[in-house]
Amino acid sequence: MVFELREQTGERTGTIARVADQLGVHREALRTWIRQAEVDGGQRPGRTTSDAQRIGELEREVRELRRANEILKAASAYFARELGPKLPR
């Protein structure tokens, strides 16, 4: 709606406020959504929604792998002590 209103009127100022009032949402919420839509559409620089989602997925995967590594290190140390070098008798 904001993009269409801007196109129809040729104005950028006040369009977000008008549409926000019509929709019953806070102006800053709508402004944030518009900025993100502009980023996703390549009209504004920034991190796209899909990039942010992918980064989140990769960060979760890194956390899981680090946890798995810590578990494996602890298990390795435990078994190294248990199966460590035995002195000949």
PDB file of N, CA and C in Angstrom:
ATOM      1  N   MET A   1       0.813  -1.193   0.000  1.00  0.00           N
ATOM      2  CA  MET A   1       0.000   0.000   0.000  1.00  0.00           C
ATOM      3  C   MET A   1       0.856   1.255   0.000  1.00  0.00           C
ATOM      4  N   VAL A   2       1.905   1.227   0.780  1.00  0.00           N
ATOM      5  CA  VAL A   2       2.767   2.408   0.854  1.00  0.00           C
ATOM      6  C   VAL A   2       3.411   2.675  -0.497  1.00  0.00           C
ATOM      7  N   PHE A   3       3.924   1.617  -1.123  1.00  0.00           N
ATOM      8  CA  PHE A   3       4.589   1.797  -2.411  1.00  0.00           C
ATOM      9  C   PHE A   3       3.606   2.305  -3.460  1.00  0.00           C
ATOM     10  N   GLU A   4       2.372   1.765  -3.457  1.00  0.00           N
ATOM     11  CA  GLU A   4       1.375   2.213  -4.422  1.00  0.00           C
ATOM     12  C   GLU A   4       0.987   3.662  -4.179  1.00  0.00           C
ATOM     13  N   LEU A   5       0.806   4.033  -2.908  1.00  0.00           N
ATOM     14  CA  LEU A   5       0.438   5.413  -2.584  1.00  0.00           C
ATOM     15  C   LEU A   5       1.548   6.372  -2.980  1.00  0.00           C
ATOM     16  N   ARG A   6       2.782   5.988  -2.746  1.00  0.00           N
ATOM     17  CA  ARG A   6       3.907   6.834  -3.159  1.00  0.00           C
ATOM     18  C   ARG A   6       3.920   7.012  -4.671  1.00  0.00           C
ATOM     19  N   GLU A   7       3.625   5.925  -5.375  1.00  0.00           N
ATOM     20  CA  GLU A   7       3.618   5.982  -6.835  1.00  0.00           C
ATOM     21  C   GLU A   7       2.474   6.861  -7.341  1.00  0.00           C
ATOM     22  N   GLN A   8       1.301   6.739  -6.727  1.00  0.00           N
ATOM     23  CA  GLN A   8       0.134   7.515  -7.160  1.00  0.00           C
ATOM     24  C   GLN A   8       0.297   8.999  -6.887  1.00  0.00           C
ATOM     25  N   THR A   9       0.776   9.323  -5.682  1.00  0.00           N
ATOM     26  CA  THR A   9       0.859  10.730  -5.289  1.00  0.00           C
ATOM     27  C   THR A   9       2.183  11.366  -5.664  1.00  0.00           C
ATOM     28  N   GLY A  10       3.205  10.563  -5.839  1.00  0.00           N
ATOM     29  CA  GLY A  10       4.530  11.102  -6.121  1.00  0.00           C
ATOM     30  C   GLY A  10       5.213  11.653  -4.883  1.00  0.00           C
ATOM     31  N   GLU A  11       4.616  11.434  -3.721  1.00  0.00           N
ATOM     32  CA  GLU A  11       5.177  11.942  -2.461  1.00  0.00           C
ATOM     33  C   GLU A  11       5.727  10.791  -1.627  1.00  0.00           C
ATOM     34  N   ARG A  12       6.799  11.093  -0.911  1.00  0.00           N
ATOM     35  CA  ARG A  12       7.351  10.106   0.016  1.00  0.00           C
ATOM     36  C   ARG A  12       6.975  10.458   1.448  1.00  0.00           C
ATOM     37  N   THR A  13       6.830  11.728   1.732  1.00  0.00           N
ATOM     38  CA  THR A  13       6.545  12.144   3.109  1.00  0.00           C
ATOM     39  C   THR A  13       5.064  11.961   3.425  1.00  0.00           C
ATOM     40  N   GLY A  14       4.813  11.392   4.574  1.00  0.00           N
ATOM     41  CA  GLY A  14       3.448  11.234   5.050  1.00  0.00           C
ATOM     42  C   GLY A  14       2.750   9.958   4.622  1.00  0.00           C
ATOM     43  N   THR A  15       3.302   9.255   3.652  1.00  0.00           N
ATOM     44  CA  THR A  15       2.607   8.054   3.172  1.00  0.00           C
ATOM     45  C   THR A  15       2.592   6.949   4.224  1.00  0.00           C
ATOM     46  N   ILE A  16       3.685   6.770   4.913  1.00  0.00           N
ATOM     47  CA  ILE A  16       3.733   5.728   5.948  1.00  0.00           C
ATOM     48  C   ILE A  16       2.748   6.051   7.061  1.00  0.00           C
ATOM     49  N   ALA A  17       2.695   7.309   7.464  1.00  0.00           N
ATOM     50  CA  ALA A  17       1.767   7.706   8.526  1.00  0.00           C
ATOM     51  C   ALA A  17       0.325   7.461   8.101  1.00  0.00           C
ATOM     52  N   ARG A  18      -0.013   7.828   6.870  1.00  0.00           N
ATOM     53  CA  ARG A  18      -1.385   7.630   6.378  1.00  0.00           C
ATOM     54  C   ARG A  18      -1.763   6.153   6.348  1.00  0.00           C
ATOM     55  N   VAL A  19      -0.884   5.345   5.788  1.00  0.00           N
ATOM     56  CA  VAL A  19      -1.178   3.912   5.676  1.00  0.00           C
ATOM     57  C   VAL A  19      -1.212   3.266   7.058  1.00  0.00           C
ATOM     58  N   ALA A  20      -0.300   3.642   7.936  1.00  0.00           N
ATOM     59  CA  ALA A  20      -0.284   3.083   9.294  1.00  0.00           C
ATOM     60  C   ALA A  20      -1.591   3.392  10.012  1.00  0.00           C
ATOM     61  N   ASP A  21      -2.078   4.609   9.861  1.00  0.00           N
ATOM     62  CA  ASP A  21      -3.349   4.972  10.490  1.00  0.00           C
ATOM     63  C   ASP A  21      -4.502   4.165   9.899  1.00  0.00           C
ATOM     64  N   GLN A  22      -4.481   3.954   8.588  1.00  0.00           N
ATOM     65  CA  GLN A  22      -5.540   3.171   7.939  1.00  0.00           C
ATOM     66  C   GLN A  22      -5.528   1.722   8.421  1.00  0.00           C
ATOM     67  N   LEU A  23      -4.333   1.169   8.585  1.00  0.00           N
ATOM     68  CA  LEU A  23      -4.206  -0.234   8.984  1.00  0.00           C
ATOM     69  C   LEU A  23      -4.304  -0.435  10.492  1.00  0.00           C
ATOM     70  N   GLY A  24      -4.147   0.638  11.245  1.00  0.00           N
ATOM     71  CA  GLY A  24      -4.193   0.533  12.696  1.00  0.00           C
ATOM     72  C   GLY A  24      -2.936  -0.068  13.294  1.00  0.00           C
ATOM     73  N   VAL A  25      -1.795   0.190  12.645  1.00  0.00           N
ATOM     74  CA  VAL A  25      -0.515  -0.282  13.176  1.00  0.00           C
ATOM     75  C   VAL A  25       0.342   0.924  13.535  1.00  0.00           C
ATOM     76  N   HIS A  26       1.333   0.684  14.363  1.00  0.00           N
ATOM     77  CA  HIS A  26       2.230   1.767  14.760  1.00  0.00           C
ATOM     78  C   HIS A  26       3.071   2.194  13.563  1.00  0.00           C
ATOM     79  N   ARG A  27       3.299   3.470  13.452  1.00  0.00           N
ATOM     80  CA  ARG A  27       4.047   4.008  12.306  1.00  0.00           C
ATOM     81  C   ARG A  27       5.453   3.438  12.208  1.00  0.00           C
ATOM     82  N   GLU A  28       6.122   3.299  13.338  1.00  0.00           N
ATOM     83  CA  GLU A  28       7.491   2.783  13.304  1.00  0.00           C
ATOM     84  C   GLU A  28       7.527   1.314  12.902  1.00  0.00           C
ATOM     85  N   ALA A  29       6.503   0.559  13.280  1.00  0.00           N
ATOM     86  CA  ALA A  29       6.438  -0.843  12.851  1.00  0.00           C
ATOM     87  C   ALA A  29       6.317  -0.903  11.332  1.00  0.00           C
ATOM     88  N   LEU A  30       5.418  -0.101  10.781  1.00  0.00           N
ATOM     89  CA  LEU A  30       5.252  -0.081   9.329  1.00  0.00           C
ATOM     90  C   LEU A  30       6.517   0.418   8.644  1.00  0.00           C
ATOM     91  N   ARG A  31       7.155   1.433   9.219  1.00  0.00           N
ATOM     92  CA  ARG A  31       8.397   1.962   8.642  1.00  0.00           C
ATOM     93  C   ARG A  31       9.474   0.869   8.599  1.00  0.00           C
ATOM     94  N   THR A  32       9.565   0.075   9.662  1.00  0.00           N
ATOM     95  CA  THR A  32      10.533  -1.027   9.700  1.00  0.00           C
ATOM     96  C   THR A  32      10.224  -2.051   8.622  1.00  0.00           C
ATOM     97  N   TRP A  33       8.953  -2.384   8.455  1.00  0.00           N
ATOM     98  CA  TRP A  33       8.554  -3.353   7.426  1.00  0.00           C
ATOM     99  C   TRP A  33       8.872  -2.822   6.030  1.00  0.00           C
ATOM    100  N   ILE A  34       8.644  -1.527   5.823  1.00  0.00           N
ATOM    101  CA  ILE A  34       8.915  -0.915   4.515  1.00  0.00           C
ATOM    102  C   ILE A  34      10.411  -0.950   4.230  1.00  0.00           C
ATOM    103  N   ARG A  35      11.217  -0.583   5.217  1.00  0.00           N
ATOM    104  CA  ARG A  35      12.677  -0.620   5.023  1.00  0.00           C
ATOM    105  C   ARG A  35      13.144  -2.022   4.667  1.00  0.00           C
ATOM    106  N   GLN A  36      12.615  -3.027   5.378  1.00  0.00           N
ATOM    107  CA  GLN A  36      13.023  -4.405   5.096  1.00  0.00           C
ATOM    108  C   GLN A  36      12.564  -4.827   3.708  1.00  0.00           C
ATOM    109  N   ALA A  37      11.381  -4.405   3.302  1.00  0.00           N
ATOM    110  CA  ALA A  37      10.899  -4.721   1.949  1.00  0.00           C
ATOM    111  C   ALA A  37      11.792  -4.067   0.900  1.00  0.00           C
ATOM    112  N   GLU A  38      12.279  -2.867   1.184  1.00  0.00           N
ATOM    113  CA  GLU A  38      13.193  -2.197   0.257  1.00  0.00           C
ATOM    114  C   GLU A  38      14.528  -2.933   0.182  1.00  0.00           C
ATOM    115  N   VAL A  39      15.012  -3.414   1.306  1.00  0.00           N
ATOM    116  CA  VAL A  39      16.262  -4.195   1.313  1.00  0.00           C
ATOM    117  C   VAL A  39      16.062  -5.479   0.523  1.00  0.00           C
ATOM    118  N   ASP A  40      14.954  -6.167   0.799  1.00  0.00           N
ATOM    119  CA  ASP A  40      14.678  -7.429   0.101  1.00  0.00           C
ATOM    120  C   ASP A  40      14.502  -7.215  -1.396  1.00  0.00           C
ATOM    121  N   GLY A  41      13.992  -6.045  -1.780  1.00  0.00           N
ATOM    122  CA  GLY A  41      13.784  -5.736  -3.190  1.00  0.00           C
ATOM    123  C   GLY A  41      15.003  -5.151  -3.877  1.00  0.00           C
ATOM    124  N   GLY A  42      16.093  -4.971  -3.134  1.00  0.00           N
ATOM    125  CA  GLY A  42      17.320  -4.442  -3.716  1.00  0.00           C
ATOM    126  C   GLY A  42      17.323  -2.934  -3.878  1.00  0.00           C
ATOM    127  N   GLN A  43      16.352  -2.248  -3.275  1.00  0.00           N
ATOM    128  CA  GLN A  43      16.282  -0.793  -3.382  1.00  0.00           C
ATOM    129  C   GLN A  43      17.092  -0.091  -2.304  1.00  0.00           C
ATOM    130  N   ARG A  44      17.494  -0.831  -1.299  1.00  0.00           N
ATOM    131  CA  ARG A  44      18.226  -0.262  -0.163  1.00  0.00           C
ATOM    132  C   ARG A  44      19.273  -1.289   0.258  1.00  0.00           C
ATOM    133  N   PRO A  45      20.479  -0.841   0.633  1.00  0.00           N
ATOM    134  CA  PRO A  45      21.494  -1.799   1.083  1.00  0.00           C
ATOM    135  C   PRO A  45      21.139  -2.353   2.463  1.00  0.00           C
ATOM    136  N   GLY A  46      21.586  -3.561   2.711  1.00  0.00           N
ATOM    137  CA  GLY A  46      21.359  -4.161   4.021  1.00  0.00           C
ATOM    138  C   GLY A  46      21.232  -5.665   3.916  1.00  0.00           C
ATOM    139  N   ARG A  47      20.954  -6.289   5.045  1.00  0.00           N
ATOM    140  CA  ARG A  47      20.837  -7.743   5.124  1.00  0.00           C
ATOM    141  C   ARG A  47      19.404  -8.151   4.779  1.00  0.00           C
ATOM    142  N   THR A  48      19.269  -8.961   3.746  1.00  0.00           N
ATOM    143  CA  THR A  48      17.938  -9.399   3.333  1.00  0.00           C
ATOM    144  C   THR A  48      17.364 -10.389   4.341  1.00  0.00           C
ATOM    145  N   THR A  49      16.070 -10.564   4.273  1.00  0.00           N
ATOM    146  CA  THR A  49      15.392 -11.490   5.174  1.00  0.00           C
ATOM    147  C   THR A  49      15.932 -12.902   5.005  1.00  0.00           C
ATOM    148  N   SER A  50      16.134 -13.321   3.763  1.00  0.00           N
ATOM    149  CA  SER A  50      16.643 -14.679   3.531  1.00  0.00           C
ATOM    150  C   SER A  50      18.074 -14.824   4.041  1.00  0.00           C
ATOM    151  N   ASP A  51      18.895 -13.774   3.883  1.00  0.00           N
ATOM    152  CA  ASP A  51      20.258 -13.821   4.419  1.00  0.00           C
ATOM    153  C   ASP A  51      20.240 -13.919   5.944  1.00  0.00           C
ATOM    154  N   ALA A  52      19.389 -13.125   6.580  1.00  0.00           N
ATOM    155  CA  ALA A  52      19.301 -13.147   8.041  1.00  0.00           C
ATOM    156  C   ALA A  52      18.841 -14.517   8.529  1.00  0.00           C
ATOM    157  N   GLN A  53      17.898 -15.108   7.812  1.00  0.00           N
ATOM    158  CA  GLN A  53      17.419 -16.437   8.180  1.00  0.00           C
ATOM    159  C   GLN A  53      18.534 -17.470   8.031  1.00  0.00           C
ATOM    160  N   ARG A  54      19.267 -17.410   6.935  1.00  0.00           N
ATOM    161  CA  ARG A  54      20.361 -18.359   6.692  1.00  0.00           C
ATOM    162  C   ARG A  54      21.467 -18.187   7.733  1.00  0.00           C
ATOM    163  N   ILE A  55      21.797 -16.953   8.076  1.00  0.00           N
ATOM    164  CA  ILE A  55      22.817 -16.693   9.095  1.00  0.00           C
ATOM    165  C   ILE A  55      22.382 -17.291  10.430  1.00  0.00           C
ATOM    166  N   GLY A  56      21.112 -17.130  10.781  1.00  0.00           N
ATOM    167  CA  GLY A  56      20.594 -17.720  12.016  1.00  0.00           C
ATOM    168  C   GLY A  56      20.722 -19.230  12.027  1.00  0.00           C
ATOM    169  N   GLU A  57      20.388 -19.849  10.892  1.00  0.00           N
ATOM    170  CA  GLU A  57      20.514 -21.307  10.784  1.00  0.00           C
ATOM    171  C   GLU A  57      21.967 -21.741  10.953  1.00  0.00           C
ATOM    172  N   LEU A  58      22.881 -21.030  10.313  1.00  0.00           N
ATOM    173  CA  LEU A  58      24.299 -21.383  10.401  1.00  0.00           C
ATOM    174  C   LEU A  58      24.837 -21.177  11.810  1.00  0.00           C
ATOM    175  N   GLU A  59      24.392 -20.123  12.486  1.00  0.00           N
ATOM    176  CA  GLU A  59      24.838 -19.890  13.860  1.00  0.00           C
ATOM    177  C   GLU A  59      24.355 -21.006  14.782  1.00  0.00           C
ATOM    178  N   ARG A  60      23.112 -21.464  14.592  1.00  0.00           N
ATOM    179  CA  ARG A  60      22.606 -22.592  15.387  1.00  0.00           C
ATOM    180  C   ARG A  60      23.423 -23.853  15.121  1.00  0.00           C
ATOM    181  N   GLU A  61      23.739 -24.084  13.848  1.00  0.00           N
ATOM    182  CA  GLU A  61      24.531 -25.267  13.491  1.00  0.00           C
ATOM    183  C   GLU A  61      25.921 -25.208  14.118  1.00  0.00           C
ATOM    184  N   VAL A  62      26.539 -24.038  14.114  1.00  0.00           N
ATOM    185  CA  VAL A  62      27.868 -23.869  14.722  1.00  0.00           C
ATOM    186  C   VAL A  62      27.793 -24.168  16.218  1.00  0.00           C
ATOM    187  N   ARG A  63      26.748 -23.659  16.902  1.00  0.00           N
ATOM    188  CA  ARG A  63      26.599 -23.937  18.339  1.00  0.00           C
ATOM    189  C   ARG A  63      26.467 -25.434  18.597  1.00  0.00           C
ATOM    190  N   GLU A  64      25.658 -26.106  17.784  1.00  0.00           N
ATOM    191  CA  GLU A  64      25.475 -27.554  17.955  1.00  0.00           C
ATOM    192  C   GLU A  64      26.782 -28.304  17.723  1.00  0.00           C
ATOM    193  N   LEU A  65      27.527 -27.923  16.702  1.00  0.00           N
ATOM    194  CA  LEU A  65      28.794 -28.593  16.406  1.00  0.00           C
ATOM    195  C   LEU A  65      29.822 -28.342  17.499  1.00  0.00           C
ATOM    196  N   ARG A  66      29.849 -27.146  18.043  1.00  0.00           N
ATOM    197  CA  ARG A  66      30.780 -26.856  19.145  1.00  0.00           C
ATOM    198  C   ARG A  66      30.435 -27.694  20.369  1.00  0.00           C
ATOM    199  N   ARG A  67      29.134 -27.823  20.640  1.00  0.00           N
ATOM    200  CA  ARG A  67      28.711 -28.663  21.762  1.00  0.00           C
ATOM    201  C   ARG A  67      29.128 -30.113  21.540  1.00  0.00           C
ATOM    202  N   ALA A  68      28.925 -30.603  20.322  1.00  0.00           N
ATOM    203  CA  ALA A  68      29.313 -31.981  19.999  1.00  0.00           C
ATOM    204  C   ALA A  68      30.817 -32.165  20.150  1.00  0.00           C
ATOM    205  N   ASN A  69      31.604 -31.183  19.717  1.00  0.00           N
ATOM    206  CA  ASN A  69      33.062 -31.259  19.863  1.00  0.00           C
ATOM    207  C   ASN A  69      33.468 -31.319  21.330  1.00  0.00           C
ATOM    208  N   GLU A  70      32.822 -30.518  22.173  1.00  0.00           N
ATOM    209  CA  GLU A  70      33.143 -30.538  23.600  1.00  0.00           C
ATOM    210  C   GLU A  70      32.830 -31.907  24.203  1.00  0.00           C
ATOM    211  N   ILE A  71      31.713 -32.485  23.807  1.00  0.00           N
ATOM    212  CA  ILE A  71      31.351 -33.818  24.300  1.00  0.00           C
ATOM    213  C   ILE A  71      32.383 -34.841  23.850  1.00  0.00           C
ATOM    214  N   LEU A  72      32.777 -34.769  22.587  1.00  0.00           N
ATOM    215  CA  LEU A  72      33.768 -35.716  22.065  1.00  0.00           C
ATOM    216  C   LEU A  72      35.125 -35.537  22.738  1.00  0.00           C
ATOM    217  N   LYS A  73      35.523 -34.299  23.015  1.00  0.00           N
ATOM    218  CA  LYS A  73      36.791 -34.061  23.716  1.00  0.00           C
ATOM    219  C   LYS A  73      36.748 -34.658  25.117  1.00  0.00           C
ATOM    220  N   ALA A  74      35.627 -34.459  25.807  1.00  0.00           N
ATOM    221  CA  ALA A  74      35.495 -34.998  27.164  1.00  0.00           C
ATOM    222  C   ALA A  74      35.518 -36.522  27.134  1.00  0.00           C
ATOM    223  N   ALA A  75      34.825 -37.116  26.184  1.00  0.00           N
ATOM    224  CA  ALA A  75      34.811 -38.580  26.072  1.00  0.00           C
ATOM    225  C   ALA A  75      36.200 -39.098  25.729  1.00  0.00           C
ATOM    226  N   SER A  76      36.890 -38.406  24.853  1.00  0.00           N
ATOM    227  CA  SER A  76      38.237 -38.809  24.460  1.00  0.00           C
ATOM    228  C   SER A  76      39.181 -38.762  25.658  1.00  0.00           C
ATOM    229  N   ALA A  77      39.096 -37.704  26.447  1.00  0.00           N
ATOM    230  CA  ALA A  77      39.953 -37.586  27.628  1.00  0.00           C
ATOM    231  C   ALA A  77      39.629 -38.689  28.636  1.00  0.00           C
ATOM    232  N   TYR A  78      38.355 -38.988  28.805  1.00  0.00           N
ATOM    233  CA  TYR A  78      37.949 -40.036  29.740  1.00  0.00           C
ATOM    234  C   TYR A  78      38.514 -41.386  29.314  1.00  0.00           C
ATOM    235  N   PHE A  79      38.327 -41.737  28.047  1.00  0.00           N
ATOM    236  CA  PHE A  79      38.803 -43.033  27.574  1.00  0.00           C
ATOM    237  C   PHE A  79      40.325 -43.086  27.519  1.00  0.00           C
ATOM    238  N   ALA A  80      40.978 -41.972  27.300  1.00  0.00           N
ATOM    239  CA  ALA A  80      42.443 -41.952  27.303  1.00  0.00           C
ATOM    240  C   ALA A  80      42.960 -42.283  28.700  1.00  0.00           C
ATOM    241  N   ARG A  81      42.276 -41.776  29.733  1.00  0.00           N
ATOM    242  CA  ARG A  81      42.680 -42.098  31.109  1.00  0.00           C
ATOM    243  C   ARG A  81      42.405 -43.569  31.417  1.00  0.00           C
ATOM    244  N   GLU A  82      41.256 -44.048  30.996  1.00  0.00           N
ATOM    245  CA  GLU A  82      40.874 -45.437  31.274  1.00  0.00           C
ATOM    246  C   GLU A  82      41.769 -46.427  30.533  1.00  0.00           C
ATOM    247  N   LEU A  83      42.089 -46.115  29.305  1.00  0.00           N
ATOM    248  CA  LEU A  83      42.859 -47.035  28.473  1.00  0.00           C
ATOM    249  C   LEU A  83      44.304 -46.584  28.322  1.00  0.00           C
ATOM    250  N   GLY A  84      44.736 -45.704  29.187  1.00  0.00           N
ATOM    251  CA  GLY A  84      46.069 -45.139  29.107  1.00  0.00           C
ATOM    252  C   GLY A  84      47.161 -46.192  29.168  1.00  0.00           C
ATOM    253  N   PRO A  85      48.408 -45.755  29.040  1.00  0.00           N
ATOM    254  CA  PRO A  85      49.525 -46.703  29.029  1.00  0.00           C
ATOM    255  C   PRO A  85      49.613 -47.447  30.364  1.00  0.00           C
ATOM    256  N   LYS A  86      49.752 -48.739  30.265  1.00  0.00           N
ATOM    257  CA  LYS A  86      49.886 -49.581  31.459  1.00  0.00           C
ATOM    258  C   LYS A  86      51.370 -49.911  31.639  1.00  0.00           C
ATOM    259  N   LEU A  87      51.817 -49.872  32.852  1.00  0.00           N
ATOM    260  CA  LEU A  87      53.206 -50.196  33.136  1.00  0.00           C
ATOM    261  C   LEU A  87      53.391 -51.714  33.090  1.00  0.00           C
ATOM    262  N   PRO A  88      54.458 -52.185  32.427  1.00  0.00           N
ATOM    263  CA  PRO A  88      54.690 -53.637  32.382  1.00  0.00           C
ATOM    264  C   PRO A  88      55.056 -54.153  33.768  1.00  0.00           C
ATOM    265  N   ARG A  89      54.667 -55.373  34.060  1.00  0.00           N
ATOM    266  CA  ARG A  89      54.962 -55.962  35.374  1.00  0.00           C
ATOM    267  C   ARG A  89      56.130 -56.867  35.312  1.00  0.00           C
TER     268      ARG A  89
END
